[in-house]
mmCIF file of all heavy atoms, coordinates in Angstrom:
data_MODEL
# 
_entry.id   MODEL 
# 
loop_
_atom_site.group_PDB 
_atom_site.id 
_atom_site.type_symbol 
_atom_site.label_atom_id 
_atom_site.label_alt_id 
_atom_site.label_comp_id 
_atom_site.label_asym_id 
_atom_site.label_entity_id 
_atom_site.label_seq_id 
_atom_site.pdbx_PDB_ins_code 
_atom_site.Cartn_x 
_atom_site.Cartn_y 
_atom_site.Cartn_z 
_atom_site.occupancy 
_atom_site.B_iso_or_equiv 
_atom_site.pdbx_formal_charge 
_atom_site.auth_seq_id 
_atom_site.auth_comp_id 
_atom_site.auth_asym_id 
_atom_site.auth_atom_id 
_atom_site.pdbx_PDB_model_num 
ATOM 1   N N   . GLY A 1 1  ? -29.011 -18.583 -18.605 1.00 0.00 ? 1  GLY A N   1 
ATOM 2   C CA  . GLY A 1 1  ? -29.594 -17.258 -18.469 1.00 0.00 ? 1  GLY A CA  1 
ATOM 3   C C   . GLY A 1 1  ? -30.825 -17.263 -17.590 1.00 0.00 ? 1  GLY A C   1 
ATOM 4   O O   . GLY A 1 1  ? -30.795 -17.762 -16.471 1.00 0.00 ? 1  GLY A O   1 
ATOM 5   N N   . GLU A 1 2  ? -31.922 -16.720 -18.090 1.00 0.00 ? 2  GLU A N   1 
ATOM 6   C CA  . GLU A 1 2  ? -33.130 -16.550 -17.285 1.00 0.00 ? 2  GLU A CA  1 
ATOM 7   C C   . GLU A 1 2  ? -34.262 -17.490 -17.681 1.00 0.00 ? 2  GLU A C   1 
ATOM 8   O O   . GLU A 1 2  ? -35.330 -17.460 -17.078 1.00 0.00 ? 2  GLU A O   1 
ATOM 9   C CB  . GLU A 1 2  ? -33.625 -15.099 -17.393 1.00 0.00 ? 2  GLU A CB  1 
ATOM 10  C CG  . GLU A 1 2  ? -32.618 -14.079 -16.870 1.00 0.00 ? 2  GLU A CG  1 
ATOM 11  C CD  . GLU A 1 2  ? -33.114 -12.665 -17.002 1.00 0.00 ? 2  GLU A CD  1 
ATOM 12  O OE1 . GLU A 1 2  ? -34.149 -12.462 -17.695 1.00 0.00 ? 2  GLU A OE1 1 
ATOM 13  O OE2 . GLU A 1 2  ? -32.486 -11.766 -16.415 1.00 0.00 ? 2  GLU A OE2 1 
ATOM 14  N N   . LEU A 1 3  ? -34.036 -18.332 -18.705 1.00 0.00 ? 3  LEU A N   1 
ATOM 15  C CA  . LEU A 1 3  ? -35.105 -19.197 -19.207 1.00 0.00 ? 3  LEU A CA  1 
ATOM 16  C C   . LEU A 1 3  ? -34.513 -20.453 -19.815 1.00 0.00 ? 3  LEU A C   1 
ATOM 17  O O   . LEU A 1 3  ? -33.489 -20.403 -20.498 1.00 0.00 ? 3  LEU A O   1 
ATOM 18  C CB  . LEU A 1 3  ? -35.927 -18.440 -20.267 1.00 0.00 ? 3  LEU A CB  1 
ATOM 19  C CG  . LEU A 1 3  ? -36.839 -19.244 -21.189 1.00 0.00 ? 3  LEU A CG  1 
ATOM 20  C CD1 . LEU A 1 3  ? -37.991 -19.838 -20.400 1.00 0.00 ? 3  LEU A CD1 1 
ATOM 21  C CD2 . LEU A 1 3  ? -37.374 -18.352 -22.316 1.00 0.00 ? 3  LEU A CD2 1 
ATOM 22  N N   . GLY A 1 4  ? -35.147 -21.586 -19.581 1.00 0.00 ? 4  GLY A N   1 
ATOM 23  C CA  . GLY A 1 4  ? -34.703 -22.828 -20.188 1.00 0.00 ? 4  GLY A CA  1 
ATOM 24  C C   . GLY A 1 4  ? -35.814 -23.846 -20.223 1.00 0.00 ? 4  GLY A C   1 
ATOM 25  O O   . GLY A 1 4  ? -36.877 -23.658 -19.615 1.00 0.00 ? 4  GLY A O   1 
ATOM 26  N N   . GLU A 1 5  ? -35.581 -24.926 -20.941 1.00 0.00 ? 5  GLU A N   1 
ATOM 27  C CA  . GLU A 1 5  ? -36.585 -25.979 -21.087 1.00 0.00 ? 5  GLU A CA  1 
ATOM 28  C C   . GLU A 1 5  ? -36.420 -27.048 -20.011 1.00 0.00 ? 5  GLU A C   1 
ATOM 29  O O   . GLU A 1 5  ? -35.334 -27.248 -19.473 1.00 0.00 ? 5  GLU A O   1 
ATOM 30  C CB  . GLU A 1 5  ? -36.447 -26.644 -22.464 1.00 0.00 ? 5  GLU A CB  1 
ATOM 31  C CG  . GLU A 1 5  ? -36.664 -25.705 -23.638 1.00 0.00 ? 5  GLU A CG  1 
ATOM 32  C CD  . GLU A 1 5  ? -36.363 -26.385 -24.967 1.00 0.00 ? 5  GLU A CD  1 
ATOM 33  O OE1 . GLU A 1 5  ? -35.676 -27.431 -24.962 1.00 0.00 ? 5  GLU A OE1 1 
ATOM 34  O OE2 . GLU A 1 5  ? -36.811 -25.876 -26.006 1.00 0.00 ? 5  GLU A OE2 1 
ATOM 35  N N   . VAL A 1 6  ? -37.521 -27.716 -19.723 1.00 0.00 ? 6  VAL A N   1 
ATOM 36  C CA  . VAL A 1 6  ? -37.490 -28.912 -18.884 1.00 0.00 ? 6  VAL A CA  1 
ATOM 37  C C   . VAL A 1 6  ? -38.076 -30.047 -19.706 1.00 0.00 ? 6  VAL A C   1 
ATOM 38  O O   . VAL A 1 6  ? -39.219 -29.960 -20.172 1.00 0.00 ? 6  VAL A O   1 
ATOM 39  C CB  . VAL A 1 6  ? -38.295 -28.744 -17.582 1.00 0.00 ? 6  VAL A CB  1 
ATOM 40  C CG1 . VAL A 1 6  ? -38.199 -30.015 -16.746 1.00 0.00 ? 6  VAL A CG1 1 
ATOM 41  C CG2 . VAL A 1 6  ? -37.797 -27.553 -16.775 1.00 0.00 ? 6  VAL A CG2 1 
ATOM 42  N N   . ARG A 1 7  ? -37.280 -31.097 -19.914 1.00 0.00 ? 7  ARG A N   1 
ATOM 43  C CA  . ARG A 1 7  ? -37.705 -32.225 -20.742 1.00 0.00 ? 7  ARG A CA  1 
ATOM 44  C C   . ARG A 1 7  ? -37.924 -33.477 -19.895 1.00 0.00 ? 7  ARG A C   1 
ATOM 45  O O   . ARG A 1 7  ? -37.189 -33.725 -18.938 1.00 0.00 ? 7  ARG A O   1 
ATOM 46  C CB  . ARG A 1 7  ? -36.656 -32.532 -21.822 1.00 0.00 ? 7  ARG A CB  1 
ATOM 47  C CG  . ARG A 1 7  ? -36.510 -31.420 -22.853 1.00 0.00 ? 7  ARG A CG  1 
ATOM 48  C CD  . ARG A 1 7  ? -35.390 -31.718 -23.854 1.00 0.00 ? 7  ARG A CD  1 
ATOM 49  N NE  . ARG A 1 7  ? -35.285 -30.682 -24.857 1.00 0.00 ? 7  ARG A NE  1 
ATOM 50  C CZ  . ARG A 1 7  ? -35.901 -30.710 -26.037 1.00 0.00 ? 7  ARG A CZ  1 
ATOM 51  N NH1 . ARG A 1 7  ? -36.649 -31.787 -26.354 1.00 0.00 ? 7  ARG A NH1 1 
ATOM 52  N NH2 . ARG A 1 7  ? -35.775 -29.722 -26.895 1.00 0.00 ? 7  ARG A NH2 1 
ATOM 53  N N   . VAL A 1 8  ? -38.922 -34.229 -20.280 1.00 0.00 ? 8  VAL A N   1 
ATOM 54  C CA  . VAL A 1 8  ? -39.201 -35.528 -19.668 1.00 0.00 ? 8  VAL A CA  1 
ATOM 55  C C   . VAL A 1 8  ? -39.247 -36.544 -20.795 1.00 0.00 ? 8  VAL A C   1 
ATOM 56  O O   . VAL A 1 8  ? -40.044 -36.397 -21.728 1.00 0.00 ? 8  VAL A O   1 
ATOM 57  C CB  . VAL A 1 8  ? -40.533 -35.521 -18.895 1.00 0.00 ? 8  VAL A CB  1 
ATOM 58  C CG1 . VAL A 1 8  ? -40.813 -36.896 -18.311 1.00 0.00 ? 8  VAL A CG1 1 
ATOM 59  C CG2 . VAL A 1 8  ? -40.514 -34.469 -17.792 1.00 0.00 ? 8  VAL A CG2 1 
ATOM 60  N N   . SER A 1 9  ? -38.363 -37.527 -20.738 1.00 0.00 ? 9  SER A N   1 
ATOM 61  C CA  . SER A 1 9  ? -38.248 -38.528 -21.816 1.00 0.00 ? 9  SER A CA  1 
ATOM 62  C C   . SER A 1 9  ? -38.049 -37.853 -23.170 1.00 0.00 ? 9  SER A C   1 
ATOM 63  O O   . SER A 1 9  ? -38.619 -38.259 -24.189 1.00 0.00 ? 9  SER A O   1 
ATOM 64  C CB  . SER A 1 9  ? -39.492 -39.426 -21.847 1.00 0.00 ? 9  SER A CB  1 
ATOM 65  O OG  . SER A 1 9  ? -39.655 -40.109 -20.623 1.00 0.00 ? 9  SER A OG  1 
ATOM 66  N N   . GLY A 1 10 ? -37.255 -36.791 -23.172 1.00 0.00 ? 10 GLY A N   1 
ATOM 67  C CA  . GLY A 1 10 ? -36.909 -36.094 -24.407 1.00 0.00 ? 10 GLY A CA  1 
ATOM 68  C C   . GLY A 1 10 ? -37.931 -35.083 -24.884 1.00 0.00 ? 10 GLY A C   1 
ATOM 69  O O   . GLY A 1 10 ? -37.694 -34.387 -25.876 1.00 0.00 ? 10 GLY A O   1 
ATOM 70  N N   . LYS A 1 11 ? -39.063 -34.970 -24.200 1.00 0.00 ? 11 LYS A N   1 
ATOM 71  C CA  . LYS A 1 11 ? -40.132 -34.063 -24.627 1.00 0.00 ? 11 LYS A CA  1 
ATOM 72  C C   . LYS A 1 11 ? -40.212 -32.866 -23.697 1.00 0.00 ? 11 LYS A C   1 
ATOM 73  O O   . LYS A 1 11 ? -40.190 -33.003 -22.478 1.00 0.00 ? 11 LYS A O   1 
ATOM 74  C CB  . LYS A 1 11 ? -41.465 -34.813 -24.627 1.00 0.00 ? 11 LYS A CB  1 
ATOM 75  C CG  . LYS A 1 11 ? -42.631 -34.010 -25.172 1.00 0.00 ? 11 LYS A CG  1 
ATOM 76  C CD  . LYS A 1 11 ? -43.885 -34.870 -25.203 1.00 0.00 ? 11 LYS A CD  1 
ATOM 77  C CE  . LYS A 1 11 ? -45.071 -34.099 -25.774 1.00 0.00 ? 11 LYS A CE  1 
ATOM 78  N NZ  . LYS A 1 11 ? -46.303 -34.951 -25.800 1.00 0.00 ? 11 LYS A NZ  1 
ATOM 79  N N   . VAL A 1 12 ? -40.318 -31.668 -24.291 1.00 0.00 ? 12 VAL A N   1 
ATOM 80  C CA  . VAL A 1 12 ? -40.446 -30.444 -23.492 1.00 0.00 ? 12 VAL A CA  1 
ATOM 81  C C   . VAL A 1 12 ? -41.845 -30.402 -22.873 1.00 0.00 ? 12 VAL A C   1 
ATOM 82  O O   . VAL A 1 12 ? -42.848 -30.363 -23.578 1.00 0.00 ? 12 VAL A O   1 
ATOM 83  C CB  . VAL A 1 12 ? -40.208 -29.180 -24.341 1.00 0.00 ? 12 VAL A CB  1 
ATOM 84  C CG1 . VAL A 1 12 ? -40.407 -27.915 -23.479 1.00 0.00 ? 12 VAL A CG1 1 
ATOM 85  C CG2 . VAL A 1 12 ? -38.811 -29.176 -24.941 1.00 0.00 ? 12 VAL A CG2 1 
ATOM 86  N N   . LEU A 1 13 ? -41.891 -30.396 -21.525 1.00 0.00 ? 13 LEU A N   1 
ATOM 87  C CA  . LEU A 1 13 ? -43.167 -30.332 -20.818 1.00 0.00 ? 13 LEU A CA  1 
ATOM 88  C C   . LEU A 1 13 ? -43.333 -29.056 -20.009 1.00 0.00 ? 13 LEU A C   1 
ATOM 89  O O   . LEU A 1 13 ? -44.415 -28.783 -19.488 1.00 0.00 ? 13 LEU A O   1 
ATOM 90  C CB  . LEU A 1 13 ? -43.318 -31.535 -19.885 1.00 0.00 ? 13 LEU A CB  1 
ATOM 91  C CG  . LEU A 1 13 ? -43.410 -32.914 -20.547 1.00 0.00 ? 13 LEU A CG  1 
ATOM 92  C CD1 . LEU A 1 13 ? -43.727 -33.981 -19.505 1.00 0.00 ? 13 LEU A CD1 1 
ATOM 93  C CD2 . LEU A 1 13 ? -44.467 -32.931 -21.653 1.00 0.00 ? 13 LEU A CD2 1 
ATOM 94  N N   . GLY A 1 14 ? -42.257 -28.278 -19.902 1.00 0.00 ? 14 GLY A N   1 
ATOM 95  C CA  . GLY A 1 14 ? -42.350 -27.035 -19.153 1.00 0.00 ? 14 GLY A CA  1 
ATOM 96  C C   . GLY A 1 14 ? -41.066 -26.246 -19.281 1.00 0.00 ? 14 GLY A C   1 
ATOM 97  O O   . GLY A 1 14 ? -40.175 -26.598 -20.056 1.00 0.00 ? 14 GLY A O   1 
ATOM 98  N N   . TYR A 1 15 ? -40.972 -25.179 -18.502 1.00 0.00 ? 15 TYR A N   1 
ATOM 99  C CA  . TYR A 1 15 ? -39.824 -24.282 -18.568 1.00 0.00 ? 15 TYR A CA  1 
ATOM 100 C C   . TYR A 1 15 ? -39.404 -23.858 -17.169 1.00 0.00 ? 15 TYR A C   1 
ATOM 101 O O   . TYR A 1 15 ? -40.232 -23.777 -16.257 1.00 0.00 ? 15 TYR A O   1 
ATOM 102 C CB  . TYR A 1 15 ? -40.166 -23.018 -19.369 1.00 0.00 ? 15 TYR A CB  1 
ATOM 103 C CG  . TYR A 1 15 ? -40.432 -23.286 -20.835 1.00 0.00 ? 15 TYR A CG  1 
ATOM 104 C CD1 . TYR A 1 15 ? -41.681 -23.688 -21.258 1.00 0.00 ? 15 TYR A CD1 1 
ATOM 105 C CD2 . TYR A 1 15 ? -39.421 -23.148 -21.781 1.00 0.00 ? 15 TYR A CD2 1 
ATOM 106 C CE1 . TYR A 1 15 ? -41.936 -23.952 -22.602 1.00 0.00 ? 15 TYR A CE1 1 
ATOM 107 C CE2 . TYR A 1 15 ? -39.657 -23.403 -23.120 1.00 0.00 ? 15 TYR A CE2 1 
ATOM 108 C CZ  . TYR A 1 15 ? -40.909 -23.807 -23.519 1.00 0.00 ? 15 TYR A CZ  1 
ATOM 109 O OH  . TYR A 1 15 ? -41.145 -24.072 -24.849 1.00 0.00 ? 15 TYR A OH  1 
ATOM 110 N N   . TRP A 1 16 ? -38.113 -23.603 -17.022 1.00 0.00 ? 16 TRP A N   1 
ATOM 111 C CA  . TRP A 1 16 ? -37.630 -22.997 -15.790 1.00 0.00 ? 16 TRP A CA  1 
ATOM 112 C C   . TRP A 1 16 ? -37.356 -21.525 -16.054 1.00 0.00 ? 16 TRP A C   1 
ATOM 113 O O   . TRP A 1 16 ? -37.021 -21.121 -17.167 1.00 0.00 ? 16 TRP A O   1 
ATOM 114 C CB  . TRP A 1 16 ? -36.377 -23.700 -15.251 1.00 0.00 ? 16 TRP A CB  1 
ATOM 115 C CG  . TRP A 1 16 ? -35.167 -23.668 -16.152 1.00 0.00 ? 16 TRP A CG  1 
ATOM 116 C CD1 . TRP A 1 16 ? -34.740 -24.651 -16.996 1.00 0.00 ? 16 TRP A CD1 1 
ATOM 117 C CD2 . TRP A 1 16 ? -34.220 -22.598 -16.272 1.00 0.00 ? 16 TRP A CD2 1 
ATOM 118 N NE1 . TRP A 1 16 ? -33.591 -24.272 -17.648 1.00 0.00 ? 16 TRP A NE1 1 
ATOM 119 C CE2 . TRP A 1 16 ? -33.243 -23.015 -17.221 1.00 0.00 ? 16 TRP A CE2 1 
ATOM 120 C CE3 . TRP A 1 16 ? -34.079 -21.341 -15.689 1.00 0.00 ? 16 TRP A CE3 1 
ATOM 121 C CZ2 . TRP A 1 16 ? -32.163 -22.212 -17.596 1.00 0.00 ? 16 TRP A CZ2 1 
ATOM 122 C CZ3 . TRP A 1 16 ? -32.998 -20.531 -16.061 1.00 0.00 ? 16 TRP A CZ3 1 
ATOM 123 C CH2 . TRP A 1 16 ? -32.056 -20.979 -16.989 1.00 0.00 ? 16 TRP A CH2 1 
ATOM 124 N N   . PHE A 1 17 ? -37.532 -20.719 -15.024 1.00 0.00 ? 17 PHE A N   1 
ATOM 125 C CA  . PHE A 1 17 ? -37.284 -19.287 -15.097 1.00 0.00 ? 17 PHE A CA  1 
ATOM 126 C C   . PHE A 1 17 ? -36.457 -18.900 -13.883 1.00 0.00 ? 17 PHE A C   1 
ATOM 127 O O   . PHE A 1 17 ? -36.620 -19.471 -12.802 1.00 0.00 ? 17 PHE A O   1 
ATOM 128 C CB  . PHE A 1 17 ? -38.600 -18.498 -15.088 1.00 0.00 ? 17 PHE A CB  1 
ATOM 129 C CG  . PHE A 1 17 ? -39.506 -18.826 -16.243 1.00 0.00 ? 17 PHE A CG  1 
ATOM 130 C CD1 . PHE A 1 17 ? -40.352 -19.921 -16.181 1.00 0.00 ? 17 PHE A CD1 1 
ATOM 131 C CD2 . PHE A 1 17 ? -39.498 -18.047 -17.388 1.00 0.00 ? 17 PHE A CD2 1 
ATOM 132 C CE1 . PHE A 1 17 ? -41.186 -20.238 -17.244 1.00 0.00 ? 17 PHE A CE1 1 
ATOM 133 C CE2 . PHE A 1 17 ? -40.328 -18.353 -18.455 1.00 0.00 ? 17 PHE A CE2 1 
ATOM 134 C CZ  . PHE A 1 17 ? -41.168 -19.446 -18.395 1.00 0.00 ? 17 PHE A CZ  1 
ATOM 135 N N   . LYS A 1 18 ? -35.566 -17.948 -14.050 1.00 0.00 ? 18 LYS A N   1 
ATOM 136 C CA  . LYS A 1 18 ? -34.724 -17.506 -12.939 1.00 0.00 ? 18 LYS A CA  1 
ATOM 137 C C   . LYS A 1 18 ? -35.082 -16.067 -12.578 1.00 0.00 ? 18 LYS A C   1 
ATOM 138 O O   . LYS A 1 18 ? -35.171 -15.189 -13.434 1.00 0.00 ? 18 LYS A O   1 
ATOM 139 C CB  . LYS A 1 18 ? -33.246 -17.597 -13.296 1.00 0.00 ? 18 LYS A CB  1 
ATOM 140 C CG  . LYS A 1 18 ? -32.308 -17.216 -12.147 1.00 0.00 ? 18 LYS A CG  1 
ATOM 141 C CD  . LYS A 1 18 ? -30.846 -17.323 -12.558 1.00 0.00 ? 18 LYS A CD  1 
ATOM 142 C CE  . LYS A 1 18 ? -30.402 -18.758 -12.654 1.00 0.00 ? 18 LYS A CE  1 
ATOM 143 N NZ  . LYS A 1 18 ? -28.937 -18.869 -12.895 1.00 0.00 ? 18 LYS A NZ  1 
ATOM 144 N N   . LEU A 1 19 ? -35.288 -15.845 -11.279 1.00 0.00 ? 19 LEU A N   1 
ATOM 145 C CA  . LEU A 1 19 ? -35.610 -14.515 -10.767 1.00 0.00 ? 19 LEU A CA  1 
ATOM 146 C C   . LEU A 1 19 ? -34.828 -14.297 -9.480  1.00 0.00 ? 19 LEU A C   1 
ATOM 147 O O   . LEU A 1 19 ? -34.961 -15.066 -8.537  1.00 0.00 ? 19 LEU A O   1 
ATOM 148 C CB  . LEU A 1 19 ? -37.119 -14.391 -10.502 1.00 0.00 ? 19 LEU A CB  1 
ATOM 149 C CG  . LEU A 1 19 ? -37.601 -13.060 -9.944  1.00 0.00 ? 19 LEU A CG  1 
ATOM 150 C CD1 . LEU A 1 19 ? -37.411 -11.957 -10.980 1.00 0.00 ? 19 LEU A CD1 1 
ATOM 151 C CD2 . LEU A 1 19 ? -39.061 -13.154 -9.535  1.00 0.00 ? 19 LEU A CD2 1 
ATOM 152 N N   . ASN A 1 20 ? -34.008 -13.265 -9.465  1.00 0.00 ? 20 ASN A N   1 
ATOM 153 C CA  . ASN A 1 20 ? -33.184 -12.955 -8.287  1.00 0.00 ? 20 ASN A CA  1 
ATOM 154 C C   . ASN A 1 20 ? -32.371 -14.161 -7.832  1.00 0.00 ? 20 ASN A C   1 
ATOM 155 O O   . ASN A 1 20 ? -32.244 -14.425 -6.630  1.00 0.00 ? 20 ASN A O   1 
ATOM 156 C CB  . ASN A 1 20 ? -34.069 -12.457 -7.140  1.00 0.00 ? 20 ASN A CB  1 
ATOM 157 C CG  . ASN A 1 20 ? -34.796 -11.169 -7.484  1.00 0.00 ? 20 ASN A CG  1 
ATOM 158 O OD1 . ASN A 1 20 ? -34.283 -10.324 -8.224  1.00 0.00 ? 20 ASN A OD1 1 
ATOM 159 N ND2 . ASN A 1 20 ? -36.006 -11.013 -6.981  1.00 0.00 ? 20 ASN A ND2 1 
ATOM 160 N N   . GLY A 1 21 ? -31.857 -14.894 -8.810  1.00 0.00 ? 21 GLY A N   1 
ATOM 161 C CA  . GLY A 1 21 ? -30.987 -16.017 -8.503  1.00 0.00 ? 21 GLY A CA  1 
ATOM 162 C C   . GLY A 1 21 ? -31.710 -17.316 -8.172  1.00 0.00 ? 21 GLY A C   1 
ATOM 163 O O   . GLY A 1 21 ? -31.074 -18.347 -7.994  1.00 0.00 ? 21 GLY A O   1 
ATOM 164 N N   . ARG A 1 22 ? -33.053 -17.281 -8.065  1.00 0.00 ? 22 ARG A N   1 
ATOM 165 C CA  . ARG A 1 22 ? -33.818 -18.483 -7.736  1.00 0.00 ? 22 ARG A CA  1 
ATOM 166 C C   . ARG A 1 22 ? -34.659 -18.923 -8.926  1.00 0.00 ? 22 ARG A C   1 
ATOM 167 O O   . ARG A 1 22 ? -35.170 -18.089 -9.688  1.00 0.00 ? 22 ARG A O   1 
ATOM 168 C CB  . ARG A 1 22 ? -34.725 -18.236 -6.535  1.00 0.00 ? 22 ARG A CB  1 
ATOM 169 C CG  . ARG A 1 22 ? -33.964 -17.913 -5.260  1.00 0.00 ? 22 ARG A CG  1 
ATOM 170 C CD  . ARG A 1 22 ? -34.890 -17.863 -4.068  1.00 0.00 ? 22 ARG A CD  1 
ATOM 171 N NE  . ARG A 1 22 ? -35.493 -19.167 -3.826  1.00 0.00 ? 22 ARG A NE  1 
ATOM 172 C CZ  . ARG A 1 22 ? -36.363 -19.404 -2.854  1.00 0.00 ? 22 ARG A CZ  1 
ATOM 173 N NH1 . ARG A 1 22 ? -36.746 -18.418 -2.060  1.00 0.00 ? 22 ARG A NH1 1 
ATOM 174 N NH2 . ARG A 1 22 ? -36.865 -20.610 -2.688  1.00 0.00 ? 22 ARG A NH2 1 
ATOM 175 N N   . ARG A 1 23 ? -34.798 -20.234 -9.079  1.00 0.00 ? 23 ARG A N   1 
ATOM 176 C CA  . ARG A 1 23 ? -35.582 -20.762 -10.195 1.00 0.00 ? 23 ARG A CA  1 
ATOM 177 C C   . ARG A 1 23 ? -36.988 -21.138 -9.768  1.00 0.00 ? 23 ARG A C   1 
ATOM 178 O O   . ARG A 1 23 ? -37.233 -21.503 -8.625  1.00 0.00 ? 23 ARG A O   1 
ATOM 179 C CB  . ARG A 1 23 ? -34.901 -22.010 -10.784 1.00 0.00 ? 23 ARG A CB  1 
ATOM 180 C CG  . ARG A 1 23 ? -33.595 -21.716 -11.496 1.00 0.00 ? 23 ARG A CG  1 
ATOM 181 C CD  . ARG A 1 23 ? -33.127 -22.906 -12.315 1.00 0.00 ? 23 ARG A CD  1 
ATOM 182 N NE  . ARG A 1 23 ? -31.872 -22.614 -12.982 1.00 0.00 ? 23 ARG A NE  1 
ATOM 183 C CZ  . ARG A 1 23 ? -31.357 -23.340 -13.971 1.00 0.00 ? 23 ARG A CZ  1 
ATOM 184 N NH1 . ARG A 1 23 ? -32.004 -24.420 -14.385 1.00 0.00 ? 23 ARG A NH1 1 
ATOM 185 N NH2 . ARG A 1 23 ? -30.220 -23.010 -14.526 1.00 0.00 ? 23 ARG A NH2 1 
ATOM 186 N N   . PHE A 1 24 ? -37.896 -21.007 -10.710 1.00 0.00 ? 24 PHE A N   1 
ATOM 187 C CA  . PHE A 1 24 ? -39.225 -21.583 -10.545 1.00 0.00 ? 24 PHE A CA  1 
ATOM 188 C C   . PHE A 1 24 ? -39.591 -22.263 -11.849 1.00 0.00 ? 24 PHE A C   1 
ATOM 189 O O   . PHE A 1 24 ? -38.973 -22.015 -12.897 1.00 0.00 ? 24 PHE A O   1 
ATOM 190 C CB  . PHE A 1 24 ? -40.267 -20.529 -10.119 1.00 0.00 ? 24 PHE A CB  1 
ATOM 191 C CG  . PHE A 1 24 ? -40.515 -19.426 -11.112 1.00 0.00 ? 24 PHE A CG  1 
ATOM 192 C CD1 . PHE A 1 24 ? -41.536 -19.519 -12.055 1.00 0.00 ? 24 PHE A CD1 1 
ATOM 193 C CD2 . PHE A 1 24 ? -39.751 -18.256 -11.095 1.00 0.00 ? 24 PHE A CD2 1 
ATOM 194 C CE1 . PHE A 1 24 ? -41.795 -18.504 -12.950 1.00 0.00 ? 24 PHE A CE1 1 
ATOM 195 C CE2 . PHE A 1 24 ? -40.008 -17.228 -11.995 1.00 0.00 ? 24 PHE A CE2 1 
ATOM 196 C CZ  . PHE A 1 24 ? -41.028 -17.352 -12.924 1.00 0.00 ? 24 PHE A CZ  1 
ATOM 197 N N   . TYR A 1 25 ? -40.571 -23.140 -11.772 1.00 0.00 ? 25 TYR A N   1 
ATOM 198 C CA  . TYR A 1 25 ? -40.887 -24.021 -12.888 1.00 0.00 ? 25 TYR A CA  1 
ATOM 199 C C   . TYR A 1 25 ? -42.362 -23.877 -13.269 1.00 0.00 ? 25 TYR A C   1 
ATOM 200 O O   . TYR A 1 25 ? -43.242 -23.955 -12.421 1.00 0.00 ? 25 TYR A O   1 
ATOM 201 C CB  . TYR A 1 25 ? -40.570 -25.469 -12.520 1.00 0.00 ? 25 TYR A CB  1 
ATOM 202 C CG  . TYR A 1 25 ? -39.133 -25.650 -12.103 1.00 0.00 ? 25 TYR A CG  1 
ATOM 203 C CD1 . TYR A 1 25 ? -38.741 -25.416 -10.784 1.00 0.00 ? 25 TYR A CD1 1 
ATOM 204 C CD2 . TYR A 1 25 ? -38.160 -26.001 -13.030 1.00 0.00 ? 25 TYR A CD2 1 
ATOM 205 C CE1 . TYR A 1 25 ? -37.417 -25.552 -10.403 1.00 0.00 ? 25 TYR A CE1 1 
ATOM 206 C CE2 . TYR A 1 25 ? -36.835 -26.130 -12.652 1.00 0.00 ? 25 TYR A CE2 1 
ATOM 207 C CZ  . TYR A 1 25 ? -36.467 -25.907 -11.338 1.00 0.00 ? 25 TYR A CZ  1 
ATOM 208 O OH  . TYR A 1 25 ? -35.150 -26.019 -10.967 1.00 0.00 ? 25 TYR A OH  1 
ATOM 209 N N   . ALA A 1 26 ? -42.605 -23.644 -14.545 1.00 0.00 ? 26 ALA A N   1 
ATOM 210 C CA  . ALA A 1 26 ? -43.973 -23.444 -15.022 1.00 0.00 ? 26 ALA A CA  1 
ATOM 211 C C   . ALA A 1 26 ? -44.302 -24.472 -16.097 1.00 0.00 ? 26 ALA A C   1 
ATOM 212 O O   . ALA A 1 26 ? -43.480 -24.753 -16.977 1.00 0.00 ? 26 ALA A O   1 
ATOM 213 C CB  . ALA A 1 26 ? -44.147 -22.031 -15.579 1.00 0.00 ? 26 ALA A CB  1 
ATOM 214 N N   . SER A 1 27 ? -45.510 -25.017 -16.000 1.00 0.00 ? 27 SER A N   1 
ATOM 215 C CA  . SER A 1 27 ? -45.956 -25.994 -16.993 1.00 0.00 ? 27 SER A CA  1 
ATOM 216 C C   . SER A 1 27 ? -47.467 -25.906 -17.148 1.00 0.00 ? 27 SER A C   1 
ATOM 217 O O   . SER A 1 27 ? -48.176 -25.474 -16.231 1.00 0.00 ? 27 SER A O   1 
ATOM 218 C CB  . SER A 1 27 ? -45.544 -27.413 -16.596 1.00 0.00 ? 27 SER A CB  1 
ATOM 219 O OG  . SER A 1 27 ? -46.152 -27.802 -15.373 1.00 0.00 ? 27 SER A OG  1 
ATOM 220 N N   . PRO A 1 28 ? -47.991 -26.323 -18.308 1.00 0.00 ? 28 PRO A N   1 
ATOM 221 C CA  . PRO A 1 28 ? -49.431 -26.262 -18.535 1.00 0.00 ? 28 PRO A CA  1 
ATOM 222 C C   . PRO A 1 28 ? -50.200 -27.116 -17.542 1.00 0.00 ? 28 PRO A C   1 
ATOM 223 O O   . PRO A 1 28 ? -49.760 -28.200 -17.162 1.00 0.00 ? 28 PRO A O   1 
ATOM 224 C CB  . PRO A 1 28 ? -49.588 -26.832 -19.956 1.00 0.00 ? 28 PRO A CB  1 
ATOM 225 C CG  . PRO A 1 28 ? -48.257 -26.657 -20.594 1.00 0.00 ? 28 PRO A CG  1 
ATOM 226 C CD  . PRO A 1 28 ? -47.272 -26.833 -19.480 1.00 0.00 ? 28 PRO A CD  1 
ATOM 227 N N   . GLY A 1 29 ? -51.333 -26.597 -17.120 1.00 0.00 ? 29 GLY A N   1 
ATOM 228 C CA  . GLY A 1 29 ? -52.261 -27.395 -16.333 1.00 0.00 ? 29 GLY A CA  1 
ATOM 229 C C   . GLY A 1 29 ? -53.375 -27.888 -17.242 1.00 0.00 ? 29 GLY A C   1 
ATOM 230 O O   . GLY A 1 29 ? -53.563 -29.088 -17.418 1.00 0.00 ? 29 GLY A O   1 
# 
């Protein structure tokens, strides 16, 4: 869909989002 998790070594560190068919990735700074 429009939102999903991104995991590194099994741990959620950020999320992907889809807008107009393209994804972007957001994570805490």
